[in-house]
Protein backbone atom coordinates (compact mmCIF):
# COMPACT_ATOMS: atom_id res chain seq x y z
CA ARG A 1 134.46 99.07 105.69
CA ARG A 2 136.92 98.86 102.86
CA VAL A 3 135.40 99.64 99.46
CA ALA A 4 138.58 99.44 97.34
CA GLU A 5 141.98 97.85 97.92
CA PHE A 6 144.00 100.58 96.17
CA GLY A 7 143.88 104.28 95.38
CA SER A 8 143.21 107.55 97.19
CA HIS A 9 141.36 110.88 96.96
CA PRO A 10 137.76 109.52 96.90
CA ALA A 11 134.91 111.77 95.75
CA TRP A 12 131.20 111.08 96.34
CA SER A 13 128.78 111.18 93.43
CA PRO A 14 125.87 113.62 94.02
CA ASP A 15 123.45 110.71 94.61
CA SER A 16 125.89 109.11 97.11
CA THR A 17 125.93 105.76 95.29
CA THR A 18 129.38 105.87 93.70
CA LEU A 19 132.92 106.91 94.58
CA ALA A 20 135.42 108.19 92.03
CA PHE A 21 139.07 107.88 93.04
CA GLN A 22 142.61 108.00 91.68
CA SER A 23 144.83 104.93 91.50
CA ASP A 24 147.90 106.84 92.74
CA ALA A 25 148.19 106.58 96.51
CA THR A 26 150.26 109.76 96.88
CA ALA A 27 149.81 111.77 100.06
CA GLU A 28 152.32 114.57 99.45
CA LEU A 29 151.04 117.96 100.63
CA SER A 30 153.76 120.38 99.49
CA ALA A 31 152.81 123.57 97.65
CA ASN A 32 153.67 122.22 94.19
CA ALA A 33 152.66 118.60 94.77
CA ALA A 34 150.43 117.28 91.98
CA PRO A 35 147.38 115.32 93.13
CA ALA A 36 148.61 112.33 91.11
CA LEU A 37 151.47 111.47 88.76
CA PRO A 38 151.73 108.94 85.91
CA PRO A 39 150.59 106.20 85.56
CA SER A 40 147.62 107.16 87.79
CA THR A 41 144.12 106.83 86.31
CA LEU A 42 140.60 107.37 87.64
CA TRP A 43 138.32 104.57 88.81
CA LEU A 44 134.71 104.18 89.94
CA VAL A 45 133.44 101.90 92.69
CA PRO A 46 129.98 101.52 94.29
CA ALA A 47 129.90 103.19 97.71
CA ARG A 48 128.79 99.92 99.28
CA GLY A 49 131.96 98.25 97.96
CA ASP A 50 132.42 96.08 94.86
CA THR A 51 134.90 95.58 92.04
CA PRO A 52 136.25 98.98 90.87
CA VAL A 53 135.99 99.78 87.17
CA PRO A 54 138.33 102.12 85.24
CA LEU A 55 137.03 105.53 84.19
CA THR A 56 140.04 107.01 82.34
CA LYS A 57 142.84 105.48 80.29
CA ALA A 58 146.54 106.14 80.86
CA GLY A 59 147.79 108.76 78.41
CA THR A 60 144.31 110.16 77.59
CA PRO A 61 145.06 112.89 78.43
CA ALA A 62 148.81 112.77 79.08
CA GLY A 63 149.86 112.84 82.74
CA GLY A 64 148.70 111.23 85.95
CA HIS A 65 144.96 111.52 86.52
CA GLY A 66 143.83 112.60 89.99
CA ALA A 67 141.70 114.78 92.26
CA PRO A 68 138.28 113.75 90.87
CA ALA A 69 135.30 116.07 91.49
CA TRP A 70 131.76 115.37 90.26
CA SER A 71 129.61 117.91 88.46
CA PRO A 72 126.46 118.80 90.46
CA ASP A 73 124.22 116.74 88.15
CA GLY A 74 126.55 113.73 88.31
CA SER A 75 127.02 113.57 84.55
CA ARG A 76 130.71 114.49 84.44
CA ILE A 77 133.83 114.23 86.58
CA PHE A 78 136.54 116.90 86.65
CA PHE A 79 140.12 115.83 87.28
CA THR A 80 143.75 116.86 86.96
CA ALA A 81 146.35 115.52 84.51
CA SER A 82 149.83 116.15 85.89
CA ASP A 83 153.51 115.41 85.49
CA ARG A 84 156.54 116.82 87.32
CA ARG A 85 156.34 120.14 85.43
CA LEU A 86 152.74 120.86 84.46
CA SER A 87 149.20 120.20 85.61
CA SER A 88 145.93 120.85 83.78
CA VAL A 89 142.22 120.28 84.46
CA TRP A 90 139.93 118.10 82.35
CA SER A 91 136.45 116.60 82.52
CA VAL A 92 135.06 113.24 81.41
CA ARG A 93 131.58 111.77 81.18
CA GLY A 94 130.62 109.18 83.77
CA ASP A 95 130.96 106.43 81.16
CA GLY A 96 134.57 107.41 80.36
CA THR A 97 133.84 109.13 77.04
CA ASP A 98 134.09 112.75 75.85
CA VAL A 99 137.27 113.90 77.58
CA VAL A 100 137.31 117.73 77.49
CA GLY A 101 140.09 120.15 78.44
CA VAL A 102 139.04 122.88 80.87
CA VAL A 103 142.19 124.64 82.19
CA SER A 104 145.71 124.46 80.77
CA GLU A 105 148.75 126.71 80.32
CA PRO A 106 149.76 129.29 81.42
CA PHE A 107 148.30 127.84 84.62
CA ILE A 108 149.66 124.94 86.62
CA ALA A 109 146.20 123.95 87.83
CA PHE A 110 145.22 121.72 90.76
CA ASP A 111 142.20 120.78 92.88
CA PRO A 112 139.13 121.32 90.64
CA ALA A 113 135.91 122.10 92.52
CA PRO A 114 132.65 122.91 90.64
CA SER A 115 130.21 125.40 92.12
CA PRO A 116 126.91 123.91 93.37
CA ASP A 117 124.99 125.49 90.48
CA GLY A 118 127.42 124.09 87.88
CA ARG A 119 128.16 127.51 86.39
CA TRP A 120 131.78 127.75 87.56
CA LEU A 121 134.78 125.56 88.12
CA TYR A 122 137.12 126.73 90.87
CA PHE A 123 140.74 125.58 90.92
CA SER A 124 144.00 126.40 92.66
CA ALA A 125 146.85 127.42 90.40
CA VAL A 126 150.44 128.54 90.10
CA THR A 127 150.94 131.28 87.52
CA GLU A 128 153.99 133.05 86.10
CA GLY A 129 156.48 134.10 88.76
CA GLU A 130 155.34 131.30 91.10
CA ARG A 131 152.24 133.18 92.24
CA TYR A 132 149.67 131.02 93.96
CA GLY A 133 145.92 131.59 94.20
CA VAL A 134 142.38 130.37 93.57
CA TRP A 135 140.77 130.99 90.19
CA ARG A 136 137.46 130.18 88.56
CA VAL A 137 136.39 129.60 84.96
CA PRO A 138 132.80 129.75 83.60
CA LEU A 139 131.45 126.48 82.21
CA LYS A 140 129.13 125.59 79.37
CA ARG A 141 126.20 123.69 80.85
CA SER A 142 126.07 121.12 78.05
CA THR A 143 129.72 120.03 77.88
CA SER A 144 131.46 121.52 80.95
CA ALA A 145 133.93 123.09 78.51
CA PRO A 146 135.18 126.59 79.41
CA ASP A 147 132.80 129.42 78.48
CA GLY A 148 135.24 132.30 78.97
CA PRO A 149 138.63 133.15 80.44
CA PRO A 150 139.58 132.27 84.05
CA ALA A 151 139.43 135.02 86.69
CA ALA A 152 141.29 135.29 90.00
CA VAL A 153 139.22 134.78 93.16
CA LEU A 154 141.63 134.60 96.09
CA ASN A 155 145.27 135.27 96.85
CA MET A 156 146.55 134.89 100.43
CA PRO A 157 150.00 136.51 100.58
CA GLY A 158 152.52 134.16 102.12
CA PHE A 159 150.46 131.03 101.52
CA SER A 160 149.60 128.68 98.69
CA THR A 161 145.91 127.76 98.77
CA ARG A 162 145.16 124.10 98.02
CA HIS A 163 142.73 121.25 98.64
CA PHE A 164 139.52 123.24 98.97
CA ALA A 165 135.80 122.49 98.93
CA ILE A 166 132.75 124.69 98.37
CA ALA A 167 129.77 124.65 100.73
CA SER A 168 126.46 123.42 99.31
CA ASP A 169 125.01 126.94 99.53
CA GLY A 170 127.83 128.20 97.28
CA LEU A 171 128.72 131.01 99.69
CA ARG A 172 131.69 129.63 101.60
CA MET A 173 134.90 127.77 100.89
CA VAL A 174 137.19 125.76 103.13
CA CYS A 175 140.79 125.29 102.08
CA THR A 176 144.31 124.43 103.14
CA ALA A 177 146.80 127.31 103.37
CA LEU A 178 150.33 125.96 102.98
CA ALA A 179 153.28 128.09 104.09
CA THR A 180 156.94 127.41 103.40
CA ALA A 181 159.62 128.24 105.97
CA SER A 182 163.23 127.64 104.98
CA ASN A 183 166.18 129.40 106.62
CA LEU A 184 169.97 129.46 106.46
CA TRP A 185 171.93 127.97 109.36
CA ALA A 186 175.62 128.00 110.28
CA LEU A 187 177.49 125.09 111.84
CA PRO A 188 181.03 125.81 113.09
CA LEU A 189 183.62 123.09 112.51
CA ASP A 190 186.92 122.46 114.28
CA PRO A 191 189.70 122.73 111.62
CA GLY A 192 191.51 119.70 112.94
CA SER A 193 188.77 117.21 113.70
CA LEU A 194 186.03 118.71 111.50
CA GLU A 195 183.71 118.13 114.46
CA PRO A 196 181.29 120.92 115.49
CA PRO A 197 182.44 122.55 118.76
CA SER A 198 179.01 124.17 119.25
CA PRO A 199 175.44 123.69 117.97
CA ALA A 200 174.18 125.07 114.70
CA ARG A 201 172.55 128.51 114.80
CA PRO A 202 170.18 130.26 112.38
CA LEU A 203 171.45 133.07 110.14
CA THR A 204 167.98 133.99 108.86
CA ARG A 205 164.54 133.73 110.46
CA GLY A 206 160.94 134.00 109.41
CA SER A 207 158.57 132.55 106.84
CA GLY A 208 159.30 132.14 103.17
CA ARG A 209 162.22 130.42 101.55
CA ASN A 210 165.80 131.57 102.19
CA ASN A 211 168.15 129.31 100.26
CA ARG A 212 171.03 128.83 97.81
CA PRO A 213 173.71 130.56 99.92
CA SER A 214 176.98 131.69 98.34
CA PHE A 215 179.95 133.05 100.34
CA SER A 216 181.75 136.17 99.16
CA PRO A 217 185.42 135.56 98.20
CA ASP A 218 186.64 136.98 101.52
CA GLY A 219 184.16 134.87 103.50
CA ARG A 220 182.63 137.87 105.28
CA ARG A 221 179.22 137.91 103.64
CA ILE A 222 176.71 135.44 102.20
CA ALA A 223 174.42 136.11 99.24
CA PHE A 224 171.20 134.09 99.05
CA ASP A 225 167.77 133.84 97.42
CA ARG A 226 164.72 135.02 99.35
CA TRP A 227 161.25 134.11 98.11
CA GLN A 228 157.78 134.02 99.60
CA VAL A 229 154.53 132.75 98.10
CA GLY A 230 152.78 135.56 96.24
CA SER A 231 155.90 137.72 95.87
CA SER A 232 158.95 137.93 93.64
CA ARG A 233 162.25 136.15 94.20
CA ASP A 234 165.02 138.54 95.34
CA ILE A 235 168.71 138.34 96.20
CA TRP A 236 169.75 139.31 99.73
CA GLY A 237 173.02 139.51 101.60
CA VAL A 238 173.92 138.84 105.21
CA ALA A 239 177.12 138.92 107.22
CA ALA A 240 178.62 135.53 108.03
CA ASP A 241 177.51 135.99 111.66
CA GLY A 242 173.88 136.61 110.62
CA SER A 243 173.89 140.40 111.09
CA GLY A 244 173.29 143.17 108.60
CA GLN A 245 170.73 141.62 106.27
CA ARG A 246 169.91 143.76 103.25
CA GLN A 247 168.31 143.30 99.86
């Protein structure tokens, strides 16, 4: 049955009586997609269905509020505050008071998930050089504020790890591994009609992102960017027919 007529990303309270959700209905799943963008805020609704009530206020903190996750004791709710450039993690009491910052720069942080014992908050993040991974930060039991620096937990080369959950025994994690595949293609054109006399064909193949091509002045070679999650961005060259790739 329908419990709310708007919003997305519902999260069960530990006692199963209440759902927290974001007002933004976004469903984008790309590697850098924020859970929610302004003017999204968080709301609470009884699991049986009733009139939703607001939990957070727009602009406090700045950014769109999304991806709610309850603390194990149900006293606080972790969430993200995001815009098109940055994303940070915060927590708020169940009555909407005491908004506390948990993770901010230099991380672009998504998908908060507290450990079952409440000692750690796991989150996915993008760090300098567009490196993706899962991190965790220790929490103070009383306020859920950070109790030390974040530490890396998982990095899957070639993938960005997002949208994860921790098993109730605290020993396993399930997550989404997002891979990006972008390649250069060539499409011949007839000089007179500008119609293609034959189908397009790939010049590069494989995972990662091959983009921003630039022809050499004589038209024989193409320079382009090559980047893969978890690695640096490099410049490569390839002949106009797709042969002879080299860094």
